[in-house]
Amino acid sequence: MSNSLMDPIGKLMGLRYKSHPWHGVDIGNRAPEVLIAYIEMVSTDTVKYEVDKDSGYLKLDRPAKYSNTVPALYGFIPQTYSAENVADYCKKMSNRKGIVGDGDPIDICVLTEKDITHGDILVNARPIGGFRMIDGDEADDKIIAVLDGDVVYGDIKDINEAPPLIIERLKHYFLTYKDMPGKDKLEVEIDAIYGVEEAHEVIKHSMTDYHKRFETLRTLLSGY
C-alpha cells in the first residue's frame, strides 16, 4: 500500500481510539520551555488519581490519609521517563550516590488562577522550576510550571517569583501525600528547590531517557 494512502488511514485509525496520555501525546515542539502536560488531579480532588500505564485510563490510586489536597493542577509530562540520565543528573546536583530513576514519567504541577474542575485533560504549561525530590533511593523530580498565558501566574519566569506560600503548600503536599493509614512513614525528602534552568535540564534528560527506553514504540506511533 502506498504511503500516500497509509497517511490518511493512519490518521483515521488514530481518531477511533483514545491516545495513551504517556505515549500517544506529543510533548510539543517548544519543549522544555513550553510543553504539553497531562493533568491527572485538580485541587478539589480528595483522592489520588493516576494513569494506568497499560491502558492509559485514569484510575483511583489511593485515598488520602489527611484532608490536604494538591494546591495546583497535577499530572505528568508525556514522552518523558525517569531512568539513567535523570538519575545521573540528580546524583550530580545532590552530590549523592546510589540514586536510580523511578521508572515513571516526570511529574508536573501547573499553577493557574482558573478553577479547573476535573483531570484527564491536556494543558500548555511553562516550567519555572521544581523540587529535587528523592523517594528512598529514587529520583522523583516534581516540575513546577505555570499555565501558559494565565492571567495571574503567566508572567512568572522563575520559581523565586512565585508566591512563597504556594511553594510551601506544594512542598508540604509532596512530603505527606504518600502517607497511608497503618503503614510506616516513607523516606521522602526534597533535597532542593531549583529554578527554571535546572527544570529544563531535568526535562531534557527525561526526554532522552524516554527515547532510549521507548524508541521502538515511538517509531511505531509516528506512523499514525
N, C-alpha and C. Protein backbone atom coordinates (compact mmCIF):
# COMPACT_ATOMS: atom_id res chain seq x y z
N MET A 1 0.86 -1.21 0.00
CA MET A 1 0.00 0.00 0.00
C MET A 1 0.88 1.25 0.00
N SER A 2 0.54 2.24 -0.80
CA SER A 2 1.37 3.43 -0.92
C SER A 2 1.33 4.27 0.35
N ASN A 3 2.42 5.03 0.57
CA ASN A 3 2.49 5.91 1.74
C ASN A 3 1.41 6.98 1.69
N SER A 4 1.04 7.43 0.48
CA SER A 4 0.02 8.47 0.34
C SER A 4 -1.34 7.99 0.85
N LEU A 5 -1.58 6.69 0.74
CA LEU A 5 -2.83 6.13 1.24
C LEU A 5 -2.74 5.78 2.71
N MET A 6 -1.54 5.36 3.14
CA MET A 6 -1.36 4.97 4.54
C MET A 6 -1.53 6.15 5.48
N ASP A 7 -1.07 7.36 5.08
CA ASP A 7 -1.15 8.52 5.97
C ASP A 7 -2.58 8.82 6.41
N PRO A 8 -3.57 8.99 5.49
CA PRO A 8 -4.94 9.24 5.95
C PRO A 8 -5.54 8.06 6.70
N ILE A 9 -5.15 6.84 6.34
CA ILE A 9 -5.66 5.67 7.08
C ILE A 9 -5.14 5.70 8.51
N GLY A 10 -3.85 6.02 8.65
CA GLY A 10 -3.29 6.09 10.00
C GLY A 10 -3.97 7.15 10.84
N LYS A 11 -4.24 8.31 10.25
CA LYS A 11 -4.92 9.38 10.99
C LYS A 11 -6.33 8.96 11.37
N LEU A 12 -7.02 8.28 10.45
CA LEU A 12 -8.38 7.83 10.73
C LEU A 12 -8.39 6.80 11.86
N MET A 13 -7.41 5.88 11.85
CA MET A 13 -7.32 4.88 12.91
C MET A 13 -7.07 5.56 14.25
N GLY A 14 -6.25 6.62 14.21
CA GLY A 14 -5.97 7.35 15.45
C GLY A 14 -7.21 8.00 16.03
N LEU A 15 -8.14 8.42 15.19
CA LEU A 15 -9.37 9.04 15.66
C LEU A 15 -10.32 8.04 16.30
N ARG A 16 -10.16 6.77 16.01
CA ARG A 16 -11.05 5.75 16.56
C ARG A 16 -10.72 5.41 18.00
N TYR A 17 -9.51 5.71 18.42
CA TYR A 17 -9.05 5.29 19.74
C TYR A 17 -8.48 6.49 20.50
N LYS A 18 -8.65 6.44 21.81
CA LYS A 18 -8.07 7.47 22.65
C LYS A 18 -6.56 7.27 22.75
N SER A 19 -5.79 8.32 22.50
CA SER A 19 -4.34 8.22 22.61
C SER A 19 -3.92 7.98 24.05
N HIS A 20 -2.93 7.13 24.22
CA HIS A 20 -2.37 6.93 25.56
C HIS A 20 -1.71 8.23 25.99
N PRO A 21 -2.07 8.79 27.16
CA PRO A 21 -1.55 10.11 27.53
C PRO A 21 -0.05 10.15 27.76
N TRP A 22 0.58 9.00 28.01
CA TRP A 22 2.02 8.98 28.20
C TRP A 22 2.75 8.84 26.85
N HIS A 23 2.28 7.92 26.02
CA HIS A 23 3.00 7.59 24.80
C HIS A 23 2.39 8.20 23.54
N GLY A 24 1.10 8.48 23.56
CA GLY A 24 0.42 8.93 22.35
C GLY A 24 0.21 10.42 22.26
N VAL A 25 0.63 11.16 23.28
CA VAL A 25 0.51 12.62 23.27
C VAL A 25 1.90 13.22 23.11
N ASP A 26 2.05 14.14 22.18
CA ASP A 26 3.36 14.75 21.92
C ASP A 26 3.66 15.80 22.98
N ILE A 27 4.92 15.88 23.38
CA ILE A 27 5.32 16.85 24.40
C ILE A 27 5.27 18.28 23.88
N GLY A 28 5.29 18.45 22.56
CA GLY A 28 5.25 19.79 21.97
C GLY A 28 6.61 20.19 21.42
N ASN A 29 6.62 20.93 20.31
CA ASN A 29 7.88 21.27 19.66
C ASN A 29 8.61 22.43 20.31
N ARG A 30 8.05 23.01 21.38
CA ARG A 30 8.75 24.08 22.11
C ARG A 30 9.30 23.60 23.44
N ALA A 31 9.19 22.31 23.72
CA ALA A 31 9.71 21.78 24.98
C ALA A 31 11.23 21.91 25.01
N PRO A 32 11.83 22.18 26.19
CA PRO A 32 11.19 22.21 27.51
C PRO A 32 10.66 23.57 27.94
N GLU A 33 10.82 24.61 27.10
CA GLU A 33 10.38 25.95 27.51
C GLU A 33 8.86 26.02 27.70
N VAL A 34 8.12 25.49 26.74
CA VAL A 34 6.66 25.37 26.83
C VAL A 34 6.32 23.97 26.37
N LEU A 35 5.45 23.28 27.11
CA LEU A 35 5.19 21.88 26.79
C LEU A 35 3.74 21.52 27.08
N ILE A 36 3.36 20.35 26.61
CA ILE A 36 2.05 19.79 26.91
C ILE A 36 2.15 19.00 28.22
N ALA A 37 1.23 19.23 29.13
CA ALA A 37 1.15 18.45 30.36
C ALA A 37 -0.20 17.74 30.42
N TYR A 38 -0.17 16.49 30.86
CA TYR A 38 -1.41 15.76 31.07
C TYR A 38 -1.77 15.87 32.55
N ILE A 39 -2.98 16.33 32.84
CA ILE A 39 -3.42 16.57 34.21
C ILE A 39 -4.25 15.38 34.72
N GLU A 40 -3.78 14.80 35.82
CA GLU A 40 -4.50 13.70 36.47
C GLU A 40 -5.41 14.19 37.58
N MET A 41 -4.96 15.22 38.33
CA MET A 41 -5.68 15.67 39.51
C MET A 41 -5.81 17.19 39.52
N VAL A 42 -6.87 17.66 40.18
CA VAL A 42 -7.06 19.09 40.41
C VAL A 42 -7.18 19.33 41.91
N SER A 43 -7.21 20.58 42.31
CA SER A 43 -7.10 20.92 43.72
C SER A 43 -8.31 20.49 44.56
N THR A 44 -9.43 20.16 43.92
CA THR A 44 -10.60 19.73 44.69
C THR A 44 -10.65 18.21 44.88
N ASP A 45 -9.72 17.47 44.30
CA ASP A 45 -9.71 16.02 44.45
C ASP A 45 -9.20 15.62 45.83
N THR A 46 -9.94 14.76 46.51
CA THR A 46 -9.55 14.30 47.84
C THR A 46 -9.02 12.87 47.82
N VAL A 47 -8.92 12.29 46.64
CA VAL A 47 -8.24 11.01 46.45
C VAL A 47 -7.22 11.19 45.34
N LYS A 48 -6.25 10.29 45.28
CA LYS A 48 -5.21 10.42 44.26
C LYS A 48 -5.57 9.59 43.03
N TYR A 49 -5.65 10.27 41.90
CA TYR A 49 -5.86 9.61 40.63
C TYR A 49 -4.52 9.46 39.92
N GLU A 50 -4.40 8.39 39.16
CA GLU A 50 -3.16 8.13 38.43
C GLU A 50 -3.48 7.37 37.16
N VAL A 51 -2.76 7.67 36.09
CA VAL A 51 -2.97 6.96 34.84
C VAL A 51 -2.47 5.53 34.96
N ASP A 52 -3.30 4.59 34.53
CA ASP A 52 -2.88 3.20 34.44
C ASP A 52 -1.93 3.06 33.26
N LYS A 53 -0.71 2.60 33.52
CA LYS A 53 0.32 2.60 32.48
C LYS A 53 -0.03 1.69 31.31
N ASP A 54 -0.77 0.61 31.58
CA ASP A 54 -1.09 -0.32 30.50
C ASP A 54 -2.20 0.20 29.59
N SER A 55 -3.30 0.66 30.19
CA SER A 55 -4.47 1.04 29.40
C SER A 55 -4.49 2.51 29.01
N GLY A 56 -3.86 3.37 29.83
CA GLY A 56 -3.92 4.81 29.60
C GLY A 56 -5.13 5.48 30.22
N TYR A 57 -5.99 4.68 30.90
CA TYR A 57 -7.15 5.25 31.55
C TYR A 57 -6.79 5.75 32.95
N LEU A 58 -7.52 6.78 33.39
CA LEU A 58 -7.31 7.33 34.72
C LEU A 58 -7.95 6.42 35.75
N LYS A 59 -7.18 6.07 36.79
CA LYS A 59 -7.70 5.16 37.81
C LYS A 59 -7.52 5.77 39.19
N LEU A 60 -8.28 5.26 40.15
CA LEU A 60 -8.12 5.66 41.54
C LEU A 60 -6.90 4.94 42.10
N ASP A 61 -5.92 5.71 42.55
CA ASP A 61 -4.68 5.11 43.04
C ASP A 61 -4.77 4.80 44.53
N ARG A 62 -5.16 5.79 45.31
CA ARG A 62 -5.27 5.57 46.76
C ARG A 62 -6.02 6.73 47.39
N PRO A 63 -6.68 6.47 48.52
CA PRO A 63 -7.31 7.57 49.26
C PRO A 63 -6.26 8.37 50.00
N ALA A 64 -6.56 9.62 50.25
CA ALA A 64 -5.64 10.45 51.03
C ALA A 64 -5.79 10.13 52.51
N LYS A 65 -4.66 10.15 53.23
CA LYS A 65 -4.70 9.91 54.68
C LYS A 65 -5.28 11.10 55.41
N TYR A 66 -4.92 12.27 54.95
CA TYR A 66 -5.39 13.50 55.58
C TYR A 66 -6.21 14.30 54.57
N SER A 67 -6.68 15.45 54.98
CA SER A 67 -7.58 16.23 54.13
C SER A 67 -6.84 17.18 53.20
N ASN A 68 -5.50 17.17 53.24
CA ASN A 68 -4.77 18.09 52.37
C ASN A 68 -4.93 17.67 50.91
N THR A 69 -5.04 18.66 50.05
CA THR A 69 -5.18 18.42 48.61
C THR A 69 -4.08 19.17 47.88
N VAL A 70 -3.77 18.73 46.68
CA VAL A 70 -2.70 19.37 45.92
C VAL A 70 -3.15 20.77 45.50
N PRO A 71 -2.35 21.79 45.82
CA PRO A 71 -2.77 23.18 45.54
C PRO A 71 -2.43 23.64 44.12
N ALA A 72 -2.60 22.76 43.16
CA ALA A 72 -2.30 23.09 41.76
C ALA A 72 -2.83 21.96 40.89
N LEU A 73 -2.79 22.14 39.59
CA LEU A 73 -3.06 21.03 38.69
C LEU A 73 -1.87 20.08 38.76
N TYR A 74 -2.13 18.78 38.79
CA TYR A 74 -1.06 17.81 38.99
C TYR A 74 -1.16 16.69 37.97
N GLY A 75 -0.05 16.40 37.33
CA GLY A 75 -0.04 15.31 36.36
C GLY A 75 1.38 14.98 35.96
N PHE A 76 1.58 14.72 34.67
CA PHE A 76 2.92 14.36 34.21
C PHE A 76 3.16 14.91 32.81
N ILE A 77 4.43 14.84 32.40
CA ILE A 77 4.82 15.32 31.08
C ILE A 77 4.90 14.12 30.14
N PRO A 78 4.09 14.11 29.08
CA PRO A 78 4.12 12.98 28.14
C PRO A 78 5.51 12.79 27.51
N GLN A 79 5.79 11.54 27.16
CA GLN A 79 7.03 11.17 26.49
C GLN A 79 8.27 11.63 27.25
N THR A 80 8.19 11.50 28.59
CA THR A 80 9.36 11.65 29.46
C THR A 80 9.46 10.39 30.30
N TYR A 81 10.65 10.14 30.86
CA TYR A 81 10.89 8.92 31.62
C TYR A 81 12.06 9.17 32.55
N SER A 82 11.92 8.72 33.78
CA SER A 82 12.98 8.90 34.78
C SER A 82 13.81 7.62 34.87
N ALA A 83 14.99 7.65 34.25
CA ALA A 83 15.88 6.49 34.25
C ALA A 83 17.33 6.97 34.43
N GLU A 84 18.27 6.41 33.66
CA GLU A 84 19.69 6.65 33.91
C GLU A 84 20.09 8.12 33.83
N ASN A 85 19.64 8.83 32.80
CA ASN A 85 20.06 10.22 32.64
C ASN A 85 19.52 11.12 33.74
N VAL A 86 18.25 10.92 34.09
CA VAL A 86 17.66 11.70 35.19
C VAL A 86 18.37 11.38 36.50
N ALA A 87 18.64 10.10 36.74
CA ALA A 87 19.30 9.69 37.97
C ALA A 87 20.72 10.25 38.06
N ASP A 88 21.45 10.20 36.95
CA ASP A 88 22.82 10.72 36.94
C ASP A 88 22.82 12.22 37.21
N TYR A 89 21.86 12.93 36.65
CA TYR A 89 21.78 14.37 36.88
C TYR A 89 21.44 14.67 38.34
N CYS A 90 20.54 13.87 38.91
CA CYS A 90 20.19 14.03 40.32
C CYS A 90 21.40 13.77 41.21
N LYS A 91 22.17 12.74 40.89
CA LYS A 91 23.38 12.44 41.68
C LYS A 91 24.38 13.58 41.59
N LYS A 92 24.53 14.13 40.39
CA LYS A 92 25.46 15.24 40.19
C LYS A 92 25.05 16.47 40.99
N MET A 93 23.76 16.81 40.93
CA MET A 93 23.30 18.04 41.57
C MET A 93 23.17 17.90 43.08
N SER A 94 22.92 16.68 43.57
CA SER A 94 22.74 16.47 45.01
C SER A 94 24.01 15.97 45.69
N ASN A 95 25.02 15.61 44.87
CA ASN A 95 26.27 15.05 45.39
C ASN A 95 26.01 13.79 46.22
N ARG A 96 25.13 12.95 45.68
CA ARG A 96 24.78 11.71 46.36
C ARG A 96 24.99 10.53 45.43
N LYS A 97 25.17 9.36 46.02
CA LYS A 97 25.38 8.14 45.25
C LYS A 97 24.17 7.23 45.41
N GLY A 98 24.09 6.23 44.54
CA GLY A 98 23.07 5.20 44.68
C GLY A 98 21.68 5.60 44.26
N ILE A 99 21.55 6.71 43.52
CA ILE A 99 20.24 7.17 43.07
C ILE A 99 19.88 6.50 41.74
N VAL A 100 18.65 6.05 41.60
CA VAL A 100 18.16 5.49 40.35
C VAL A 100 16.90 6.26 39.94
N GLY A 101 16.53 6.16 38.68
CA GLY A 101 15.27 6.75 38.22
C GLY A 101 14.10 5.95 38.75
N ASP A 102 12.95 6.60 38.91
CA ASP A 102 11.79 5.90 39.48
C ASP A 102 10.97 5.14 38.43
N GLY A 103 11.37 5.22 37.15
CA GLY A 103 10.68 4.46 36.11
C GLY A 103 9.32 5.01 35.72
N ASP A 104 9.08 6.27 36.01
CA ASP A 104 7.81 6.92 35.68
C ASP A 104 8.06 8.14 34.81
N PRO A 105 7.01 8.66 34.16
CA PRO A 105 7.16 9.97 33.51
C PRO A 105 7.37 11.04 34.57
N ILE A 106 7.91 12.18 34.16
CA ILE A 106 8.20 13.26 35.10
C ILE A 106 6.90 13.95 35.54
N ASP A 107 6.74 14.07 36.85
CA ASP A 107 5.56 14.73 37.41
C ASP A 107 5.64 16.24 37.23
N ILE A 108 4.48 16.86 37.12
CA ILE A 108 4.43 18.31 36.96
C ILE A 108 3.23 18.88 37.70
N CYS A 109 3.43 20.04 38.32
CA CYS A 109 2.34 20.82 38.93
C CYS A 109 2.22 22.12 38.15
N VAL A 110 1.00 22.48 37.79
CA VAL A 110 0.77 23.66 36.97
C VAL A 110 -0.07 24.66 37.75
N LEU A 111 0.49 25.84 37.98
CA LEU A 111 -0.20 26.89 38.71
C LEU A 111 -1.13 27.67 37.77
N THR A 112 -2.35 27.91 38.22
CA THR A 112 -3.31 28.72 37.47
C THR A 112 -4.31 29.33 38.42
N GLU A 113 -4.84 30.48 38.06
CA GLU A 113 -5.87 31.11 38.87
C GLU A 113 -7.26 30.61 38.49
N LYS A 114 -7.37 29.84 37.43
CA LYS A 114 -8.66 29.34 36.97
C LYS A 114 -9.10 28.13 37.78
N ASP A 115 -10.41 28.00 37.97
CA ASP A 115 -10.98 26.83 38.64
C ASP A 115 -11.24 25.74 37.60
N ILE A 116 -10.32 24.81 37.51
CA ILE A 116 -10.47 23.68 36.59
C ILE A 116 -10.97 22.50 37.41
N THR A 117 -12.10 21.95 37.02
CA THR A 117 -12.86 21.08 37.92
C THR A 117 -12.56 19.59 37.79
N HIS A 118 -11.82 19.18 36.78
CA HIS A 118 -11.54 17.74 36.65
C HIS A 118 -10.24 17.52 35.89
N GLY A 119 -9.67 16.33 36.09
CA GLY A 119 -8.46 15.96 35.40
C GLY A 119 -8.77 15.29 34.07
N ASP A 120 -7.80 14.49 33.59
CA ASP A 120 -7.89 13.83 32.29
C ASP A 120 -7.99 14.86 31.17
N ILE A 121 -7.15 15.90 31.28
CA ILE A 121 -7.11 16.96 30.27
C ILE A 121 -5.65 17.28 29.94
N LEU A 122 -5.45 17.97 28.82
CA LEU A 122 -4.14 18.45 28.42
C LEU A 122 -4.10 19.96 28.55
N VAL A 123 -2.95 20.49 29.01
CA VAL A 123 -2.79 21.94 29.12
C VAL A 123 -1.41 22.32 28.58
N ASN A 124 -1.29 23.56 28.14
CA ASN A 124 0.01 24.12 27.78
C ASN A 124 0.64 24.70 29.04
N ALA A 125 1.82 24.23 29.38
CA ALA A 125 2.47 24.64 30.62
C ALA A 125 3.87 25.17 30.34
N ARG A 126 4.29 26.13 31.17
CA ARG A 126 5.64 26.69 31.05
C ARG A 126 6.39 26.46 32.36
N PRO A 127 7.36 25.55 32.38
CA PRO A 127 8.10 25.26 33.62
C PRO A 127 8.82 26.49 34.16
N ILE A 128 8.82 26.62 35.50
CA ILE A 128 9.53 27.73 36.16
C ILE A 128 10.52 27.22 37.20
N GLY A 129 10.53 25.92 37.47
CA GLY A 129 11.42 25.36 38.48
C GLY A 129 10.96 23.98 38.88
N GLY A 130 11.37 23.55 40.08
CA GLY A 130 10.95 22.24 40.53
C GLY A 130 11.53 21.85 41.87
N PHE A 131 11.13 20.69 42.34
CA PHE A 131 11.64 20.09 43.56
C PHE A 131 12.52 18.90 43.18
N ARG A 132 13.76 18.87 43.70
CA ARG A 132 14.57 17.68 43.55
C ARG A 132 14.17 16.72 44.67
N MET A 133 13.16 15.93 44.38
CA MET A 133 12.60 15.03 45.38
C MET A 133 13.24 13.65 45.24
N ILE A 134 13.59 13.05 46.38
CA ILE A 134 14.20 11.73 46.42
C ILE A 134 13.35 10.85 47.30
N ASP A 135 12.86 9.77 46.72
CA ASP A 135 11.96 8.83 47.40
C ASP A 135 12.74 7.55 47.66
N GLY A 136 13.27 7.41 48.88
CA GLY A 136 14.16 6.30 49.17
C GLY A 136 15.47 6.51 48.43
N ASP A 137 15.71 5.73 47.37
CA ASP A 137 16.89 5.92 46.54
C ASP A 137 16.51 6.27 45.11
N GLU A 138 15.27 6.75 44.91
CA GLU A 138 14.78 7.03 43.57
C GLU A 138 14.64 8.53 43.32
N ALA A 139 15.10 8.98 42.15
CA ALA A 139 14.87 10.36 41.72
C ALA A 139 13.40 10.50 41.33
N ASP A 140 12.73 11.48 41.94
CA ASP A 140 11.29 11.66 41.73
C ASP A 140 11.00 13.15 41.59
N ASP A 141 11.63 13.78 40.60
CA ASP A 141 11.51 15.23 40.43
C ASP A 141 10.06 15.66 40.23
N LYS A 142 9.73 16.82 40.79
CA LYS A 142 8.43 17.45 40.60
C LYS A 142 8.66 18.81 39.92
N ILE A 143 8.30 18.89 38.67
CA ILE A 143 8.44 20.15 37.94
C ILE A 143 7.29 21.08 38.31
N ILE A 144 7.62 22.33 38.59
CA ILE A 144 6.61 23.36 38.87
C ILE A 144 6.50 24.24 37.63
N ALA A 145 5.28 24.47 37.19
CA ALA A 145 5.05 25.23 35.96
C ALA A 145 3.87 26.18 36.16
N VAL A 146 3.69 27.06 35.22
CA VAL A 146 2.51 27.93 35.20
C VAL A 146 1.72 27.62 33.93
N LEU A 147 0.43 27.80 33.99
CA LEU A 147 -0.40 27.66 32.80
C LEU A 147 -0.01 28.75 31.82
N ASP A 148 0.34 28.36 30.63
CA ASP A 148 0.80 29.32 29.64
C ASP A 148 -0.31 30.33 29.34
N GLY A 149 0.00 31.61 29.53
CA GLY A 149 -0.98 32.67 29.29
C GLY A 149 -1.89 32.95 30.46
N ASP A 150 -1.67 32.31 31.63
CA ASP A 150 -2.53 32.54 32.78
C ASP A 150 -2.47 34.01 33.21
N VAL A 151 -3.64 34.56 33.59
CA VAL A 151 -3.73 35.99 33.92
C VAL A 151 -2.91 36.33 35.16
N VAL A 152 -2.94 35.48 36.18
CA VAL A 152 -2.25 35.76 37.45
C VAL A 152 -0.81 35.25 37.44
N TYR A 153 -0.61 34.01 37.02
CA TYR A 153 0.71 33.37 37.12
C TYR A 153 1.51 33.40 35.82
N GLY A 154 0.89 33.81 34.73
CA GLY A 154 1.50 33.67 33.41
C GLY A 154 2.79 34.44 33.21
N ASP A 155 3.02 35.51 33.96
CA ASP A 155 4.23 36.31 33.78
C ASP A 155 5.40 35.82 34.62
N ILE A 156 5.19 34.82 35.47
CA ILE A 156 6.27 34.30 36.31
C ILE A 156 7.26 33.54 35.44
N LYS A 157 8.52 33.89 35.55
CA LYS A 157 9.57 33.27 34.74
C LYS A 157 10.38 32.24 35.53
N ASP A 158 10.47 32.42 36.85
CA ASP A 158 11.29 31.52 37.68
C ASP A 158 10.57 31.29 38.99
N ILE A 159 10.88 30.16 39.62
CA ILE A 159 10.16 29.77 40.84
C ILE A 159 10.32 30.78 41.96
N ASN A 160 11.43 31.52 41.97
CA ASN A 160 11.63 32.51 43.04
C ASN A 160 10.70 33.70 42.90
N GLU A 161 9.97 33.80 41.78
CA GLU A 161 8.99 34.86 41.60
C GLU A 161 7.58 34.41 42.02
N ALA A 162 7.41 33.10 42.28
CA ALA A 162 6.10 32.57 42.65
C ALA A 162 5.80 32.90 44.12
N PRO A 163 4.52 32.99 44.49
CA PRO A 163 4.17 33.26 45.89
C PRO A 163 4.76 32.18 46.81
N PRO A 164 5.54 32.57 47.82
CA PRO A 164 6.19 31.58 48.70
C PRO A 164 5.20 30.62 49.36
N LEU A 165 4.01 31.09 49.70
CA LEU A 165 3.03 30.23 50.36
C LEU A 165 2.61 29.08 49.44
N ILE A 166 2.45 29.36 48.15
CA ILE A 166 2.08 28.31 47.20
C ILE A 166 3.17 27.24 47.13
N ILE A 167 4.42 27.66 47.09
CA ILE A 167 5.53 26.71 47.04
C ILE A 167 5.60 25.90 48.32
N GLU A 168 5.36 26.54 49.47
CA GLU A 168 5.36 25.81 50.74
C GLU A 168 4.23 24.79 50.79
N ARG A 169 3.07 25.14 50.27
CA ARG A 169 1.95 24.19 50.25
C ARG A 169 2.27 23.00 49.36
N LEU A 170 2.87 23.26 48.21
CA LEU A 170 3.26 22.16 47.33
C LEU A 170 4.30 21.28 48.01
N LYS A 171 5.26 21.89 48.66
CA LYS A 171 6.29 21.14 49.37
C LYS A 171 5.67 20.25 50.44
N HIS A 172 4.76 20.79 51.22
CA HIS A 172 4.09 20.01 52.26
C HIS A 172 3.30 18.85 51.66
N TYR A 173 2.62 19.11 50.56
CA TYR A 173 1.84 18.06 49.92
C TYR A 173 2.72 16.89 49.51
N PHE A 174 3.82 17.18 48.85
CA PHE A 174 4.66 16.11 48.35
C PHE A 174 5.41 15.36 49.45
N LEU A 175 5.59 16.00 50.58
CA LEU A 175 6.24 15.32 51.70
C LEU A 175 5.27 14.45 52.49
N THR A 176 3.97 14.57 52.22
CA THR A 176 2.98 13.82 53.00
C THR A 176 2.01 13.01 52.17
N TYR A 177 1.94 13.21 50.85
CA TYR A 177 0.84 12.62 50.07
C TYR A 177 0.93 11.11 49.92
N LYS A 178 2.08 10.52 50.20
CA LYS A 178 2.21 9.08 50.09
C LYS A 178 1.96 8.37 51.42
N ASP A 179 1.70 9.13 52.48
CA ASP A 179 1.38 8.50 53.76
C ASP A 179 0.09 7.71 53.65
N MET A 180 0.09 6.50 54.16
CA MET A 180 -1.09 5.65 54.13
C MET A 180 -1.39 5.15 55.53
N PRO A 181 -2.69 5.04 55.89
CA PRO A 181 -3.05 4.54 57.22
C PRO A 181 -2.46 3.16 57.46
N GLY A 182 -1.84 2.99 58.64
CA GLY A 182 -1.32 1.68 59.04
C GLY A 182 0.04 1.34 58.46
N LYS A 183 0.64 2.25 57.69
CA LYS A 183 1.94 1.96 57.12
C LYS A 183 2.99 2.91 57.69
N ASP A 184 4.24 2.43 57.70
CA ASP A 184 5.33 3.26 58.19
C ASP A 184 5.51 4.47 57.28
N LYS A 185 6.01 5.54 57.87
CA LYS A 185 6.24 6.77 57.09
C LYS A 185 7.35 6.50 56.07
N LEU A 186 7.12 6.93 54.84
CA LEU A 186 8.07 6.69 53.77
C LEU A 186 9.24 7.69 53.84
N GLU A 187 10.37 7.27 53.30
CA GLU A 187 11.57 8.11 53.30
C GLU A 187 11.56 9.02 52.08
N VAL A 188 10.73 10.04 52.14
CA VAL A 188 10.62 11.01 51.04
C VAL A 188 11.23 12.32 51.50
N GLU A 189 12.09 12.91 50.67
CA GLU A 189 12.70 14.18 51.03
C GLU A 189 12.81 15.07 49.79
N ILE A 190 12.80 16.35 50.04
CA ILE A 190 13.06 17.32 48.98
C ILE A 190 14.45 17.86 49.21
N ASP A 191 15.38 17.42 48.37
CA ASP A 191 16.79 17.77 48.53
C ASP A 191 17.05 19.24 48.20
N ALA A 192 16.29 19.78 47.25
CA ALA A 192 16.49 21.17 46.85
C ALA A 192 15.28 21.66 46.07
N ILE A 193 15.09 22.97 46.10
CA ILE A 193 14.13 23.63 45.22
C ILE A 193 14.95 24.37 44.16
N TYR A 194 14.73 24.04 42.90
CA TYR A 194 15.57 24.61 41.86
C TYR A 194 14.76 25.49 40.90
N GLY A 195 15.49 26.27 40.12
CA GLY A 195 14.88 27.24 39.23
C GLY A 195 14.64 26.71 37.83
N VAL A 196 14.32 27.63 36.93
CA VAL A 196 13.86 27.26 35.60
C VAL A 196 14.93 26.56 34.78
N GLU A 197 16.19 26.97 34.91
CA GLU A 197 17.24 26.35 34.10
C GLU A 197 17.43 24.89 34.46
N GLU A 198 17.42 24.58 35.75
CA GLU A 198 17.57 23.18 36.16
C GLU A 198 16.33 22.38 35.79
N ALA A 199 15.16 23.00 35.85
CA ALA A 199 13.94 22.31 35.42
C ALA A 199 14.05 21.90 33.96
N HIS A 200 14.56 22.80 33.13
CA HIS A 200 14.75 22.48 31.71
C HIS A 200 15.72 21.31 31.54
N GLU A 201 16.78 21.28 32.34
CA GLU A 201 17.75 20.19 32.24
C GLU A 201 17.13 18.86 32.63
N VAL A 202 16.35 18.84 33.70
CA VAL A 202 15.68 17.61 34.13
C VAL A 202 14.78 17.09 33.01
N ILE A 203 14.01 17.99 32.42
CA ILE A 203 13.08 17.59 31.36
C ILE A 203 13.84 17.05 30.15
N LYS A 204 14.92 17.72 29.76
CA LYS A 204 15.70 17.24 28.62
C LYS A 204 16.30 15.86 28.88
N HIS A 205 16.80 15.64 30.10
CA HIS A 205 17.33 14.32 30.44
C HIS A 205 16.22 13.27 30.41
N SER A 206 15.03 13.65 30.87
CA SER A 206 13.92 12.69 30.88
C SER A 206 13.43 12.38 29.46
N MET A 207 13.53 13.35 28.57
CA MET A 207 13.18 13.10 27.17
C MET A 207 14.18 12.12 26.54
N THR A 208 15.46 12.27 26.88
CA THR A 208 16.48 11.34 26.40
C THR A 208 16.23 9.94 26.94
N ASP A 209 15.92 9.85 28.24
CA ASP A 209 15.61 8.54 28.84
C ASP A 209 14.41 7.90 28.16
N TYR A 210 13.40 8.70 27.85
CA TYR A 210 12.21 8.15 27.19
C TYR A 210 12.56 7.59 25.82
N HIS A 211 13.31 8.35 25.04
CA HIS A 211 13.66 7.91 23.69
C HIS A 211 14.50 6.64 23.73
N LYS A 212 15.37 6.53 24.70
CA LYS A 212 16.19 5.32 24.83
C LYS A 212 15.33 4.11 25.22
N ARG A 213 14.38 4.33 26.11
CA ARG A 213 13.57 3.22 26.61
C ARG A 213 12.47 2.82 25.64
N PHE A 214 11.87 3.80 24.96
CA PHE A 214 10.69 3.52 24.14
C PHE A 214 10.90 3.87 22.66
N GLU A 215 12.11 3.78 22.17
CA GLU A 215 12.39 4.17 20.79
C GLU A 215 11.54 3.40 19.79
N THR A 216 11.41 2.09 19.98
CA THR A 216 10.62 1.28 19.05
C THR A 216 9.16 1.71 19.06
N LEU A 217 8.61 1.91 20.26
CA LEU A 217 7.22 2.35 20.37
C LEU A 217 7.04 3.72 19.75
N ARG A 218 7.98 4.61 19.97
CA ARG A 218 7.89 5.97 19.41
C ARG A 218 7.89 5.92 17.88
N THR A 219 8.72 5.05 17.31
CA THR A 219 8.77 4.91 15.86
C THR A 219 7.44 4.40 15.30
N LEU A 220 6.85 3.43 16.00
CA LEU A 220 5.56 2.89 15.57
C LEU A 220 4.47 3.95 15.63
N LEU A 221 4.44 4.72 16.73
CA LEU A 221 3.41 5.74 16.90
C LEU A 221 3.55 6.86 15.87
N SER A 222 4.78 7.15 15.45
CA SER A 222 4.98 8.23 14.50
C SER A 222 4.32 7.95 13.15
N GLY A 223 4.01 6.68 12.88
CA GLY A 223 3.34 6.35 11.64
C GLY A 223 1.85 6.57 11.66
N TYR A 224 1.33 6.95 12.85
CA TYR A 224 -0.10 7.19 12.98
C TYR A 224 -0.38 8.64 13.31
